[in-house]
């Protein structure tokens, strides 16, 4: 289970992407990087490892 605040941050950042892309804003790439970073963090902290099972 991922923390709700992290998922909220990702959701908010994704919702902003279409408007940023349409305006040609430099923040678009920054938001994409933030989304990638958050999802990577979730992946690494939530991925099941064999040593966690036993």
PDB file of N, CA and C in Angstrom:
ATOM      1  N   UNK A   1       0.838  -1.177   0.000  1.00  0.00           N
ATOM      2  CA  UNK A   1       0.000   0.000   0.000  1.00  0.00           C
ATOM      3  C   UNK A   1       0.888   1.248   0.000  1.00  0.00           C
ATOM      4  N   UNK A   2       0.655   2.112  -0.917  1.00  0.00           N
ATOM      5  CA  UNK A   2       1.397   3.361  -0.988  1.00  0.00           C
ATOM      6  C   UNK A   2       0.702   4.415  -0.136  1.00  0.00           C
ATOM      7  N   UNK A   3       1.484   5.356   0.348  1.00  0.00           N
ATOM      8  CA  UNK A   3       0.910   6.426   1.158  1.00  0.00           C
ATOM      9  C   UNK A   3      -0.035   7.270   0.310  1.00  0.00           C
ATOM     10  N   UNK A   4      -1.140   7.637   0.907  1.00  0.00           N
ATOM     11  CA  UNK A   4      -2.161   8.405   0.204  1.00  0.00           C
ATOM     12  C   UNK A   4      -1.632   9.754  -0.271  1.00  0.00           C
ATOM     13  N   UNK A   5      -0.809  10.406   0.537  1.00  0.00           N
ATOM     14  CA  UNK A   5      -0.311  11.729   0.146  1.00  0.00           C
ATOM     15  C   UNK A   5       0.567  11.645  -1.101  1.00  0.00           C
ATOM     16  N   UNK A   6       1.342  10.566  -1.231  1.00  0.00           N
ATOM     17  CA  UNK A   6       2.177  10.398  -2.424  1.00  0.00           C
ATOM     18  C   UNK A   6       1.308  10.176  -3.649  1.00  0.00           C
ATOM     19  N   UNK A   7       0.271   9.357  -3.510  1.00  0.00           N
ATOM     20  CA  UNK A   7      -0.640   9.124  -4.632  1.00  0.00           C
ATOM     21  C   UNK A   7      -1.401  10.395  -4.993  1.00  0.00           C
ATOM     22  N   UNK A   8      -1.752  11.189  -4.000  1.00  0.00           N
ATOM     23  CA  UNK A   8      -2.412  12.469  -4.259  1.00  0.00           C
ATOM     24  C   UNK A   8      -1.491  13.409  -5.028  1.00  0.00           C
ATOM     25  N   UNK A   9      -0.216  13.438  -4.643  1.00  0.00           N
ATOM     26  CA  UNK A   9       0.762  14.280  -5.335  1.00  0.00           C
ATOM     27  C   UNK A   9       0.894  13.862  -6.799  1.00  0.00           C
ATOM     28  N   UNK A  10       0.949  12.560  -7.036  1.00  0.00           N
ATOM     29  CA  UNK A  10       1.052  12.054  -8.405  1.00  0.00           C
ATOM     30  C   UNK A  10      -0.194  12.429  -9.199  1.00  0.00           C
ATOM     31  N   UNK A  11      -1.341  12.225  -8.601  1.00  0.00           N
ATOM     32  CA  UNK A  11      -2.605  12.536  -9.271  1.00  0.00           C
ATOM     33  C   UNK A  11      -2.689  14.016  -9.632  1.00  0.00           C
ATOM     34  N   UNK A  12      -2.307  14.882  -8.708  1.00  0.00           N
ATOM     35  CA  UNK A  12      -2.336  16.322  -8.956  1.00  0.00           C
ATOM     36  C   UNK A  12      -1.369  16.702 -10.087  1.00  0.00           C
ATOM     37  N   UNK A  13      -0.170  16.107 -10.066  1.00  0.00           N
ATOM     38  CA  UNK A  13       0.825  16.420 -11.091  1.00  0.00           C
ATOM     39  C   UNK A  13       0.358  15.947 -12.468  1.00  0.00           C
ATOM     40  N   UNK A  14      -0.244  14.762 -12.536  1.00  0.00           N
ATOM     41  CA  UNK A  14      -0.739  14.246 -13.809  1.00  0.00           C
ATOM     42  C   UNK A  14      -1.868  15.122 -14.339  1.00  0.00           C
ATOM     43  N   UNK A  15      -2.723  15.588 -13.450  1.00  0.00           N
ATOM     44  CA  UNK A  15      -3.840  16.439 -13.865  1.00  0.00           C
ATOM     45  C   UNK A  15      -3.357  17.754 -14.463  1.00  0.00           C
ATOM     46  N   UNK A  16      -2.207  18.246 -14.041  1.00  0.00           N
ATOM     47  CA  UNK A  16      -1.661  19.502 -14.558  1.00  0.00           C
ATOM     48  C   UNK A  16      -0.981  19.359 -15.910  1.00  0.00           C
ATOM     49  N   UNK A  17      -0.597  18.138 -16.278  1.00  0.00           N
ATOM     50  CA  UNK A  17       0.203  17.939 -17.493  1.00  0.00           C
ATOM     51  C   UNK A  17      -0.442  18.460 -18.774  1.00  0.00           C
ATOM     52  N   UNK A  18      -1.715  18.171 -19.061  1.00  0.00           N
ATOM     53  CA  UNK A  18      -2.283  18.654 -20.329  1.00  0.00           C
ATOM     54  C   UNK A  18      -2.211  20.178 -20.480  1.00  0.00           C
ATOM     55  N   UNK A  19      -2.511  20.899 -19.420  1.00  0.00           N
ATOM     56  CA  UNK A  19      -2.469  22.363 -19.490  1.00  0.00           C
ATOM     57  C   UNK A  19      -1.040  22.858 -19.684  1.00  0.00           C
ATOM     58  N   UNK A  20      -0.094  22.250 -19.001  1.00  0.00           N
ATOM     59  CA  UNK A  20       1.307  22.657 -19.148  1.00  0.00           C
ATOM     60  C   UNK A  20       1.813  22.376 -20.561  1.00  0.00           C
ATOM     61  N   UNK A  21       1.420  21.239 -21.105  1.00  0.00           N
ATOM     62  CA  UNK A  21       1.838  20.890 -22.467  1.00  0.00           C
ATOM     63  C   UNK A  21       1.230  21.847 -23.482  1.00  0.00           C
ATOM     64  N   UNK A  22      -0.027  22.159 -23.292  1.00  0.00           N
ATOM     65  CA  UNK A  22      -0.722  23.058 -24.220  1.00  0.00           C
ATOM     66  C   UNK A  22      -0.088  24.450 -24.233  1.00  0.00           C
ATOM     67  N   UNK A  23       0.340  24.921 -23.049  1.00  0.00           N
ATOM     68  CA  UNK A  23       0.971  26.243 -22.960  1.00  0.00           C
ATOM     69  C   UNK A  23       2.427  26.209 -23.386  1.00  0.00           C
ATOM     70  N   UNK A  24       2.994  25.011 -23.518  1.00  0.00           N
ATOM     71  CA  UNK A  24       4.411  24.911 -23.856  1.00  0.00           C
ATOM     72  C   UNK A  24       5.295  25.316 -22.694  1.00  0.00           C
ATOM     73  N   UNK A  25       4.793  25.118 -21.498  1.00  0.00           N
ATOM     74  CA  UNK A  25       5.492  25.527 -20.288  1.00  0.00           C
ATOM     75  C   UNK A  25       6.729  24.667 -20.034  1.00  0.00           C
ATOM     76  N   UNK A  26       7.752  25.302 -19.497  1.00  0.00           N
ATOM     77  CA  UNK A  26       8.968  24.588 -19.127  1.00  0.00           C
ATOM     78  C   UNK A  26       8.736  23.691 -17.909  1.00  0.00           C
ATOM     79  N   UNK A  27       7.656  23.927 -17.193  1.00  0.00           N
ATOM     80  CA  UNK A  27       7.339  23.109 -16.030  1.00  0.00           C
ATOM     81  C   UNK A  27       6.876  21.705 -16.410  1.00  0.00           C
ATOM     82  N   UNK A  28       6.511  21.504 -17.663  1.00  0.00           N
ATOM     83  CA  UNK A  28       6.023  20.199 -18.095  1.00  0.00           C
ATOM     84  C   UNK A  28       7.045  19.106 -17.812  1.00  0.00           C
ATOM     85  N   UNK A  29       8.273  19.319 -18.235  1.00  0.00           N
ATOM     86  CA  UNK A  29       9.313  18.311 -18.015  1.00  0.00           C
ATOM     87  C   UNK A  29       9.611  18.135 -16.533  1.00  0.00           C
ATOM     88  N   UNK A  30       9.540  19.201 -15.781  1.00  0.00           N
ATOM     89  CA  UNK A  30       9.754  19.119 -14.342  1.00  0.00           C
ATOM     90  C   UNK A  30       8.679  18.263 -13.675  1.00  0.00           C
ATOM     91  N   UNK A  31       7.434  18.463 -14.084  1.00  0.00           N
ATOM     92  CA  UNK A  31       6.330  17.663 -13.538  1.00  0.00           C
ATOM     93  C   UNK A  31       6.482  16.196 -13.934  1.00  0.00           C
ATOM     94  N   UNK A  32       6.898  15.942 -15.159  1.00  0.00           N
ATOM     95  CA  UNK A  32       7.123  14.554 -15.598  1.00  0.00           C
ATOM     96  C   UNK A  32       8.212  13.903 -14.760  1.00  0.00           C
ATOM     97  N   UNK A  33       9.248  14.628 -14.479  1.00  0.00           N
ATOM     98  CA  UNK A  33      10.343  14.106 -13.659  1.00  0.00           C
ATOM     99  C   UNK A  33       9.864  13.825 -12.233  1.00  0.00           C
ATOM    100  N   UNK A  34       9.031  14.707 -11.699  1.00  0.00           N
ATOM    101  CA  UNK A  34       8.484  14.491 -10.362  1.00  0.00           C
ATOM    102  C   UNK A  34       7.615  13.230 -10.328  1.00  0.00           C
ATOM    103  N   UNK A  35       6.788  13.062 -11.334  1.00  0.00           N
ATOM    104  CA  UNK A  35       5.938  11.875 -11.415  1.00  0.00           C
ATOM    105  C   UNK A  35       6.797  10.619 -11.498  1.00  0.00           C
ATOM    106  N   UNK A  36       7.822  10.663 -12.318  1.00  0.00           N
ATOM    107  CA  UNK A  36       8.720   9.515 -12.449  1.00  0.00           C
ATOM    108  C   UNK A  36       9.390   9.198 -11.126  1.00  0.00           C
ATOM    109  N   UNK A  37       9.830  10.216 -10.439  1.00  0.00           N
ATOM    110  CA  UNK A  37      10.498  10.031  -9.153  1.00  0.00           C
ATOM    111  C   UNK A  37       9.564   9.417  -8.117  1.00  0.00           C
ATOM    112  N   UNK A  38       8.342   9.940  -8.033  1.00  0.00           N
ATOM    113  CA  UNK A  38       7.374   9.408  -7.058  1.00  0.00           C
ATOM    114  C   UNK A  38       7.008   7.965  -7.371  1.00  0.00           C
ATOM    115  N   UNK A  39       6.780   7.667  -8.654  1.00  0.00           N
ATOM    116  CA  UNK A  39       6.405   6.297  -9.004  1.00  0.00           C
ATOM    117  C   UNK A  39       7.567   5.333  -8.784  1.00  0.00           C
ATOM    118  N   UNK A  40       8.769   5.800  -9.034  1.00  0.00           N
ATOM    119  CA  UNK A  40       9.951   4.980  -8.777  1.00  0.00           C
ATOM    120  C   UNK A  40      10.081   4.691  -7.280  1.00  0.00           C
ATOM    121  N   UNK A  41       9.823   5.696  -6.467  1.00  0.00           N
ATOM    122  CA  UNK A  41       9.882   5.523  -5.015  1.00  0.00           C
ATOM    123  C   UNK A  41       8.844   4.494  -4.562  1.00  0.00           C
ATOM    124  N   UNK A  42       7.632   4.600  -5.090  1.00  0.00           N
ATOM    125  CA  UNK A  42       6.591   3.641  -4.739  1.00  0.00           C
ATOM    126  C   UNK A  42       6.990   2.238  -5.180  1.00  0.00           C
ATOM    127  N   UNK A  43       7.506   2.120  -6.386  1.00  0.00           N
ATOM    128  CA  UNK A  43       7.914   0.818  -6.909  1.00  0.00           C
ATOM    129  C   UNK A  43       8.961   0.172  -6.003  1.00  0.00           C
ATOM    130  N   UNK A  44       9.978   0.931  -5.628  1.00  0.00           N
ATOM    131  CA  UNK A  44      11.073   0.363  -4.840  1.00  0.00           C
ATOM    132  C   UNK A  44      10.668   0.064  -3.399  1.00  0.00           C
ATOM    133  N   UNK A  45       9.734   0.813  -2.873  1.00  0.00           N
ATOM    134  CA  UNK A  45       9.335   0.558  -1.484  1.00  0.00           C
ATOM    135  C   UNK A  45       8.219  -0.470  -1.384  1.00  0.00           C
ATOM    136  N   UNK A  46       7.474  -0.697  -2.457  1.00  0.00           N
ATOM    137  CA  UNK A  46       6.337  -1.605  -2.412  1.00  0.00           C
ATOM    138  C   UNK A  46       6.561  -2.923  -3.151  1.00  0.00           C
ATOM    139  N   UNK A  47       7.640  -3.037  -3.891  1.00  0.00           N
ATOM    140  CA  UNK A  47       7.896  -4.257  -4.651  1.00  0.00           C
ATOM    141  C   UNK A  47       8.168  -5.408  -3.683  1.00  0.00           C
ATOM    142  N   UNK A  48       7.458  -6.526  -3.811  1.00  0.00           N
ATOM    143  CA  UNK A  48       7.678  -7.642  -2.888  1.00  0.00           C
ATOM    144  C   UNK A  48       8.998  -8.352  -3.180  1.00  0.00           C
ATOM    145  N   UNK A  49       9.769  -8.565  -2.151  1.00  0.00           N
ATOM    146  CA  UNK A  49      11.031  -9.270  -2.261  1.00  0.00           C
ATOM    147  C   UNK A  49      10.901 -10.615  -1.559  1.00  0.00           C
ATOM    148  N   UNK A  50      11.629 -11.593  -2.037  1.00  0.00           N
ATOM    149  CA  UNK A  50      11.558 -12.926  -1.464  1.00  0.00           C
ATOM    150  C   UNK A  50      11.937 -12.900   0.022  1.00  0.00           C
ATOM    151  N   UNK A  51      12.948 -12.108   0.391  1.00  0.00           N
ATOM    152  CA  UNK A  51      13.365 -12.075   1.786  1.00  0.00           C
ATOM    153  C   UNK A  51      12.295 -11.447   2.691  1.00  0.00           C
ATOM    154  N   UNK A  52      11.375 -10.708   2.118  1.00  0.00           N
ATOM    155  CA  UNK A  52      10.288 -10.114   2.899  1.00  0.00           C
ATOM    156  C   UNK A  52       9.197 -11.130   3.232  1.00  0.00           C
ATOM    157  N   UNK A  53       9.114 -12.171   2.422  1.00  0.00           N
ATOM    158  CA  UNK A  53       8.062 -13.168   2.594  1.00  0.00           C
ATOM    159  C   UNK A  53       8.397 -14.125   3.724  1.00  0.00           C
ATOM    160  N   UNK A  54       9.646 -14.498   3.840  1.00  0.00           N
ATOM    161  CA  UNK A  54      10.037 -15.480   4.844  1.00  0.00           C
ATOM    162  C   UNK A  54      10.701 -14.850   6.031  1.00  0.00           C
TER     163      UNK A  54
END
